[in-house]
Amino acid sequence: MKNCLTKIFSNVKPIIGMVHLRPLPGSPLYDKTNMPIQKVIELAVQEATILEKAGVDGVQVENIWDYPYNKGQDIGYETCAALTAAALAVNQSVSIPVGINCHLNGGHAAMAAAVAAGAHWIRVFEFVGAYISYTGLTEGIGGSLARYRKFLDANDIYFLCDVNVKHGSHFIVSDRQVKELAVDAQEQGADALIITGFETGTAPDEVKVRDCKKAVSLPILLGSGVTLDNANNLLSVADGAIVGSWFKKDNNWRNHVDFDRTKAFMDEVKKIRSTGS
């Protein structure tokens, strides 16, 4: 089975840094006076550039500040347009691959933005199945999203899909193990899987990652809580990671990207790669 990570990235165990866009037009926290969209884009480019200089392998652009979130089908044109503008500016400013995530489970908006901005992947919180998220019942969108990708002739944009994604209740599928849900996502066409902890900044359980790794042939990324201290252990059982909080000042995703923290982490990753962990 194809490994989309080797198609996107030049390094093994790629590390994807987060570009957390400030509130976009139409969202409750958008402040046209103090943080107009032009400034939002400028900051996104600055942070992406810092991440690239510090050595990350790719960046993911997302509208994390747009809370409280809409369900995917209710995400407005204004959000998709602003997300596209920011992602395009980032993609034109760095030489590393760019991906997109649209909250919450806005896979169709993310796919449209990815096509327009030249991105390589989108993150999908719920590809198959269902869970209770901030927005209520959040159902899988894999079927319609795969057809939308085909409609856009965008098969070179990959689906990085969460299994038991953070910030939600999965009691509705609690009669099934995480590894079984991972198999579902693989069978239904996910290109890579993402395993997270319970919330942002919380690391996934190493045993859960190992179990999923044994059950599927897709690459598995860590989606939360990877730090300088646990990188060696967690990356030994995974194929890469998406890192947000740790690359920010004081390990807080709301803060600016910290070059020194990011570089120290990437220096450690280089050691891990050299040892073949």
Protein backbone atom coordinates (compact mmCIF):
# COMPACT_ATOMS: atom_id res chain seq x y z
CA MET A 1 0.00 0.00 0.00
CA LYS A 2 1.25 3.46 -0.84
CA ASN A 3 2.91 5.55 1.83
CA CYS A 4 1.84 9.13 1.29
CA LEU A 5 4.47 10.47 3.71
CA THR A 6 7.30 9.34 1.45
CA LYS A 7 5.55 11.07 -1.44
CA ILE A 8 5.26 14.36 0.44
CA PHE A 9 8.40 14.55 2.58
CA SER A 10 12.08 13.90 1.95
CA ASN A 11 12.86 12.80 5.53
CA VAL A 12 11.69 9.76 7.43
CA LYS A 13 9.58 10.48 10.52
CA PRO A 14 8.57 13.93 9.22
CA ILE A 15 7.64 16.64 11.69
CA ILE A 16 4.80 18.97 10.73
CA GLY A 17 4.71 22.34 12.51
CA MET A 18 1.46 24.19 13.10
CA VAL A 19 0.51 27.62 11.75
CA HIS A 20 -2.39 28.59 13.97
CA LEU A 21 -4.20 31.36 12.13
CA ARG A 22 -5.57 34.18 14.24
CA PRO A 23 -9.36 34.68 14.02
CA LEU A 24 -10.58 34.87 10.44
CA PRO A 25 -13.31 37.16 9.05
CA GLY A 26 -16.75 35.98 10.09
CA SER A 27 -15.60 34.28 13.27
CA PRO A 28 -16.64 35.69 16.67
CA LEU A 29 -13.11 36.76 17.66
CA TYR A 30 -12.19 38.45 14.38
CA ASP A 31 -10.97 41.99 15.05
CA LYS A 32 -10.77 44.00 11.86
CA THR A 33 -9.31 47.02 13.67
CA ASN A 34 -6.43 45.38 15.52
CA MET A 35 -5.95 42.16 13.54
CA PRO A 36 -7.27 42.55 9.98
CA ILE A 37 -6.94 39.66 7.58
CA GLN A 38 -3.80 41.18 6.06
CA LYS A 39 -2.14 41.04 9.49
CA VAL A 40 -3.38 37.50 10.06
CA ILE A 41 -1.72 36.41 6.83
CA GLU A 42 1.46 38.33 7.63
CA LEU A 43 1.80 36.57 11.00
CA ALA A 44 1.10 33.20 9.39
CA VAL A 45 3.92 33.73 6.92
CA GLN A 46 6.26 34.85 9.71
CA GLU A 47 5.56 31.76 11.79
CA ALA A 48 5.82 29.38 8.85
CA THR A 49 9.18 30.91 7.97
CA ILE A 50 10.43 30.47 11.54
CA LEU A 51 9.32 26.84 11.55
CA GLU A 52 11.10 26.18 8.27
CA LYS A 53 14.32 27.82 9.47
CA ALA A 54 14.17 25.73 12.63
CA GLY A 55 14.12 22.58 10.53
CA VAL A 56 10.54 21.24 10.42
CA ASP A 57 9.60 19.13 7.41
CA GLY A 58 6.24 20.72 6.67
CA VAL A 59 3.64 23.11 8.04
CA GLN A 60 -0.10 22.78 8.51
CA VAL A 61 -2.31 25.85 8.34
CA GLU A 62 -5.53 25.82 10.35
CA ASN A 63 -8.21 28.18 11.65
CA ILE A 64 -7.93 27.16 15.28
CA TRP A 65 -8.94 30.61 16.57
CA ASP A 66 -12.35 30.50 14.87
CA TYR A 67 -14.12 29.05 17.92
CA PRO A 68 -16.86 28.33 18.77
CA TYR A 69 -16.70 26.16 15.68
CA ASN A 70 -19.30 25.40 13.05
CA LYS A 71 -19.99 21.95 11.72
CA GLY A 72 -18.35 21.28 8.40
CA GLN A 73 -21.49 21.82 6.34
CA ASP A 74 -22.05 25.22 8.02
CA ILE A 75 -18.58 26.65 7.37
CA GLY A 76 -19.00 29.83 5.34
CA TYR A 77 -17.47 30.95 2.09
CA GLU A 78 -15.66 33.70 3.99
CA THR A 79 -13.79 31.14 6.12
CA CYS A 80 -12.78 29.06 3.11
CA ALA A 81 -11.64 32.18 1.24
CA ALA A 82 -9.54 33.50 4.14
CA LEU A 83 -8.05 30.06 4.83
CA THR A 84 -7.11 29.77 1.18
CA ALA A 85 -5.51 33.22 1.11
CA ALA A 86 -3.41 32.44 4.19
CA ALA A 87 -2.38 28.97 3.00
CA LEU A 88 -1.41 30.30 -0.41
CA ALA A 89 0.71 33.05 1.12
CA VAL A 90 2.43 30.51 3.37
CA ASN A 91 3.01 28.12 0.48
CA GLN A 92 4.59 30.89 -1.58
CA SER A 93 6.88 31.85 1.32
CA VAL A 94 8.37 28.47 2.28
CA SER A 95 9.94 25.62 0.37
CA ILE A 96 8.58 22.83 2.57
CA PRO A 97 5.21 21.12 1.98
CA VAL A 98 2.03 22.72 3.28
CA GLY A 99 -1.20 21.13 4.49
CA ILE A 100 -4.56 22.47 5.66
CA ASN A 101 -7.02 21.74 8.46
CA CYS A 102 -10.40 23.46 8.73
CA HIS A 103 -12.27 23.37 12.02
CA LEU A 104 -14.42 21.54 12.67
CA ASN A 105 -14.19 18.52 10.42
CA GLY A 106 -14.42 20.93 7.51
CA GLY A 107 -12.84 18.55 5.04
CA HIS A 108 -14.61 19.94 2.00
CA ALA A 109 -13.56 23.53 2.76
CA ALA A 110 -10.03 22.30 3.45
CA MET A 111 -9.93 20.38 0.18
CA ALA A 112 -11.12 23.39 -1.83
CA ALA A 113 -8.51 25.56 -0.12
CA ALA A 114 -5.81 22.94 -0.65
CA VAL A 115 -6.48 22.81 -4.39
CA ALA A 116 -6.36 26.60 -4.70
CA ALA A 117 -3.31 27.03 -2.46
CA GLY A 118 -1.27 24.12 -3.79
CA ALA A 119 -1.29 22.19 -0.52
CA HIS A 120 -0.29 18.52 -0.24
CA TRP A 121 -2.70 17.20 2.39
CA ILE A 122 -5.69 17.95 4.57
CA ARG A 123 -6.38 16.76 8.09
CA VAL A 124 -9.75 15.11 8.68
CA PHE A 125 -10.92 14.74 12.27
CA GLU A 126 -13.69 12.22 11.53
CA PHE A 127 -13.24 10.37 8.24
CA VAL A 128 -15.47 7.44 9.17
CA GLY A 129 -17.67 6.75 12.19
CA ALA A 130 -18.93 9.42 14.56
CA TYR A 131 -18.17 11.15 17.85
CA ILE A 132 -19.43 14.02 19.98
CA SER A 133 -17.30 17.11 19.39
CA TYR A 134 -17.58 20.76 20.34
CA THR A 135 -20.27 21.07 17.65
CA GLY A 136 -22.31 18.06 18.77
CA LEU A 137 -22.67 14.87 16.78
CA THR A 138 -19.84 14.86 14.23
CA GLU A 139 -20.18 12.19 11.59
CA GLY A 140 -17.72 10.73 9.12
CA ILE A 141 -17.34 12.55 5.83
CA GLY A 142 -15.10 10.10 3.99
CA GLY A 143 -17.62 9.12 1.36
CA SER A 144 -18.52 12.61 0.19
CA LEU A 145 -14.98 13.91 0.70
CA ALA A 146 -13.44 11.19 -1.48
CA ARG A 147 -15.93 11.99 -4.20
CA TYR A 148 -15.18 15.70 -3.88
CA ARG A 149 -11.46 15.02 -4.25
CA LYS A 150 -12.19 13.01 -7.38
CA PHE A 151 -14.42 15.79 -8.72
CA LEU A 152 -11.58 18.29 -8.23
CA ASP A 153 -9.06 15.92 -9.87
CA ALA A 154 -6.98 16.28 -6.71
CA ASN A 155 -5.79 12.76 -5.93
CA ASP A 156 -2.36 14.19 -5.14
CA ILE A 157 -3.84 15.84 -2.03
CA TYR A 158 -3.80 13.25 0.76
CA PHE A 159 -6.19 12.53 3.62
CA LEU A 160 -4.47 12.51 7.04
CA CYS A 161 -7.25 11.12 9.19
CA ASP A 162 -7.65 11.05 12.96
CA VAL A 163 -8.69 7.98 14.89
CA ASN A 164 -10.37 8.84 18.22
CA VAL A 165 -9.48 12.49 17.75
CA LYS A 166 -8.85 14.73 20.77
CA HIS A 167 -11.44 17.10 22.28
CA GLY A 168 -14.43 14.82 22.06
CA SER A 169 -16.37 11.89 23.44
CA HIS A 170 -16.13 8.58 21.61
CA PHE A 171 -18.56 6.69 23.83
CA ILE A 172 -20.80 6.17 20.82
CA VAL A 173 -18.16 3.79 19.42
CA SER A 174 -16.84 2.53 22.75
CA ASP A 175 -17.74 -1.06 21.89
CA ARG A 176 -14.89 -1.01 19.38
CA GLN A 177 -11.16 -0.76 20.05
CA VAL A 178 -9.12 2.09 18.62
CA LYS A 179 -7.21 -0.34 16.41
CA GLU A 180 -10.50 -1.53 14.92
CA LEU A 181 -11.47 2.06 14.12
CA ALA A 182 -8.05 2.49 12.52
CA VAL A 183 -8.76 -0.50 10.28
CA ASP A 184 -12.10 1.08 9.33
CA ALA A 185 -10.38 4.29 8.24
CA GLN A 186 -7.79 2.37 6.25
CA GLU A 187 -10.40 0.23 4.52
CA GLN A 188 -12.43 3.32 3.63
CA GLY A 189 -9.55 5.10 1.93
CA ALA A 190 -7.58 7.15 4.45
CA ASP A 191 -4.01 7.84 3.30
CA ALA A 192 -2.46 8.15 6.78
CA LEU A 193 -3.75 7.97 10.34
CA ILE A 194 -3.32 10.37 13.26
CA ILE A 195 -3.37 9.27 16.89
CA THR A 196 -3.82 11.91 19.62
CA GLY A 197 -4.22 12.27 23.34
CA PHE A 198 -7.44 13.46 24.95
CA GLU A 199 -6.76 17.15 24.36
CA THR A 200 -4.28 19.57 22.81
CA GLY A 201 -0.90 19.20 24.50
CA THR A 202 -1.65 15.72 25.82
CA ALA A 203 0.41 12.89 24.36
CA PRO A 204 -1.24 9.75 22.98
CA ASP A 205 -0.85 6.48 24.81
CA GLU A 206 2.16 4.63 23.44
CA VAL A 207 0.34 1.29 23.67
CA LYS A 208 -2.54 2.64 21.60
CA VAL A 209 -0.12 3.79 18.93
CA ARG A 210 1.60 0.38 18.90
CA ASP A 211 -1.72 -1.46 18.62
CA CYS A 212 -2.82 0.66 15.67
CA LYS A 213 0.56 0.26 14.01
CA LYS A 214 0.20 -3.52 14.18
CA ALA A 215 -3.36 -3.45 12.85
CA VAL A 216 -2.87 -1.29 9.74
CA SER A 217 -0.33 -0.78 6.98
CA LEU A 218 -0.86 2.98 6.72
CA PRO A 219 1.67 5.41 8.21
CA ILE A 220 0.71 6.70 11.65
CA LEU A 221 1.36 10.24 12.85
CA LEU A 222 1.26 11.53 16.42
CA GLY A 223 -1.25 14.37 16.62
CA SER A 224 -0.78 15.93 20.05
CA GLY A 225 1.46 16.22 23.08
CA VAL A 226 4.83 15.40 21.51
CA THR A 227 7.60 17.18 23.41
CA LEU A 228 11.37 17.24 23.56
CA ASP A 229 11.18 14.86 26.53
CA ASN A 230 8.95 12.19 25.01
CA ALA A 231 9.89 12.49 21.33
CA ASN A 232 12.34 9.59 21.43
CA ASN A 233 9.84 7.13 22.90
CA LEU A 234 6.83 8.20 20.87
CA LEU A 235 8.61 8.51 17.53
CA SER A 236 10.02 5.03 18.00
CA VAL A 237 6.49 3.67 17.50
CA ALA A 238 5.16 6.22 14.99
CA ASP A 239 6.03 7.46 11.51
CA GLY A 240 6.05 11.18 12.25
CA ALA A 241 4.25 13.88 14.20
CA ILE A 242 2.22 17.04 14.01
CA VAL A 243 3.55 19.43 16.64
CA GLY A 244 1.80 22.61 17.72
CA SER A 245 2.01 23.53 21.40
CA TRP A 246 5.63 22.49 21.97
CA PHE A 247 6.87 24.85 19.26
CA LYS A 248 5.17 27.80 20.96
CA LYS A 249 6.47 29.96 23.79
CA ASP A 250 5.73 28.33 27.18
CA ASN A 251 4.27 25.28 25.43
CA ASN A 252 1.03 27.21 24.83
CA TRP A 253 -0.58 27.03 21.38
CA ARG A 254 -1.94 30.57 21.77
CA ASN A 255 1.57 32.03 21.85
CA HIS A 256 3.97 32.77 19.01
CA VAL A 257 6.27 30.16 17.52
CA ASP A 258 9.57 29.95 19.41
CA PHE A 259 12.58 29.32 17.14
CA ASP A 260 14.85 27.98 19.88
CA ARG A 261 12.28 25.46 21.18
CA THR A 262 11.56 24.29 17.66
CA LYS A 263 15.21 23.95 16.69
CA ALA A 264 16.06 22.03 19.86
CA PHE A 265 13.24 19.62 19.11
CA MET A 266 14.30 19.16 15.51
CA ASP A 267 17.91 18.59 16.58
CA GLU A 268 16.62 15.74 18.74
CA VAL A 269 14.60 14.36 15.84
CA LYS A 270 17.75 14.32 13.69
CA LYS A 271 19.42 12.16 16.36
CA ILE A 272 16.43 9.82 16.40
CA ARG A 273 16.56 9.48 12.63
CA SER A 274 20.29 8.77 12.67
CA THR A 275 19.83 5.92 15.12
CA GLY A 276 17.01 4.43 13.09
CA SER A 277 14.55 4.45 16.01
